[in-house]
Amino acid sequence: MSFQNITDPVLAQGGHPQLHSFLADDYRRCAFIDELAVAAGADPVQFRLRYLSVPRQIDLLKAVADKTGWETRPSPKPGAR
């Protein structure tokens, strides 16, 4: 399931009780992808881009990285604990 495929108006507005479970699962998936990037010594954004194939998702990730001032770096950040 992805947000772009949500057609149910209740779910799309965040009123569905399972949405909270979906968001928690999504957080866990993202955290695991971060762990994979660390294991690969790769930048987390570049790591994600490597495996995306949907142009809309690629554009979104690049736009978010740009708007937040993401600096490409290996993961974990050098000097981080």
Protein backbone atom coordinates (compact mmCIF):
# COMPACT_ATOMS: atom_id res chain seq x y z
CA MET A 1 0.00 0.00 0.00
CA SER A 2 1.26 3.48 -0.73
CA PHE A 3 -0.28 6.88 -0.19
CA GLN A 4 -0.65 7.46 -3.92
CA ASN A 5 -2.91 4.41 -4.15
CA ILE A 6 -5.35 5.48 -1.41
CA THR A 7 -8.76 6.04 -2.96
CA ASP A 8 -10.94 5.65 0.14
CA PRO A 9 -11.87 9.24 1.15
CA VAL A 10 -11.99 8.36 4.87
CA LEU A 11 -8.52 6.81 4.76
CA ALA A 12 -7.14 9.62 2.60
CA GLN A 13 -8.27 12.17 5.20
CA GLY A 14 -6.61 10.26 8.05
CA GLY A 15 -9.85 9.24 9.74
CA HIS A 16 -9.43 5.49 9.36
CA PRO A 17 -8.35 3.68 12.56
CA GLN A 18 -5.86 1.52 10.68
CA LEU A 19 -4.00 4.59 9.41
CA HIS A 20 -2.09 4.89 12.67
CA SER A 21 -0.95 1.28 12.37
CA PHE A 22 0.01 1.91 8.74
CA LEU A 23 2.08 4.95 9.73
CA ALA A 24 3.85 3.01 12.48
CA ASP A 25 4.67 0.24 10.00
CA ASP A 26 5.93 2.85 7.53
CA TYR A 27 8.19 4.33 10.22
CA ARG A 28 9.63 0.88 10.94
CA ARG A 29 10.27 0.31 7.24
CA CYS A 30 12.04 3.66 6.95
CA ALA A 31 14.15 2.96 10.02
CA PHE A 32 15.14 -0.41 8.60
CA ILE A 33 16.12 1.21 5.29
CA ASP A 34 18.30 3.60 7.29
CA GLU A 35 19.94 0.60 8.96
CA LEU A 36 20.59 -0.94 5.54
CA ALA A 37 22.18 2.32 4.39
CA VAL A 38 24.42 2.29 7.47
CA ALA A 39 25.46 -1.31 6.77
CA ALA A 40 26.28 -0.32 3.18
CA GLY A 41 28.09 2.85 4.29
CA ALA A 42 25.82 4.78 1.94
CA ASP A 43 24.01 8.09 2.11
CA PRO A 44 20.42 7.28 3.19
CA VAL A 45 18.83 9.43 0.46
CA GLN A 46 21.07 8.06 -2.29
CA PHE A 47 20.45 4.54 -0.98
CA ARG A 48 16.68 5.02 -1.33
CA LEU A 49 16.99 6.61 -4.77
CA ARG A 50 18.98 3.60 -5.96
CA TYR A 51 15.96 1.35 -5.41
CA LEU A 52 13.10 3.62 -6.49
CA SER A 53 11.67 3.26 -9.97
CA VAL A 54 8.51 5.41 -9.83
CA PRO A 55 9.35 8.90 -11.19
CA ARG A 56 6.89 10.59 -8.83
CA GLN A 57 8.52 8.98 -5.79
CA ILE A 58 12.01 9.88 -7.04
CA ASP A 59 10.97 13.50 -7.61
CA LEU A 60 9.37 13.68 -4.16
CA LEU A 61 12.42 12.30 -2.36
CA LYS A 62 14.73 14.68 -4.24
CA ALA A 63 12.46 17.65 -3.49
CA VAL A 64 12.27 16.83 0.22
CA ALA A 65 16.06 16.37 0.41
CA ASP A 66 16.53 19.71 -1.36
CA LYS A 67 14.00 21.61 0.76
CA THR A 68 15.48 20.27 4.01
CA GLY A 69 19.05 21.07 2.98
CA TRP A 70 20.13 17.42 3.03
CA GLU A 71 23.90 17.07 2.60
CA THR A 72 24.96 13.85 0.91
CA ARG A 73 27.22 11.86 3.22
CA PRO A 74 28.01 8.30 4.19
CA SER A 75 25.87 6.80 6.90
CA PRO A 76 26.43 7.08 9.79
CA LYS A 77 27.63 10.66 9.61
CA PRO A 78 31.39 10.76 10.19
CA GLY A 79 32.06 11.61 13.82
CA ALA A 80 28.60 10.49 14.97
CA ARG A 81 28.32 8.15 17.89
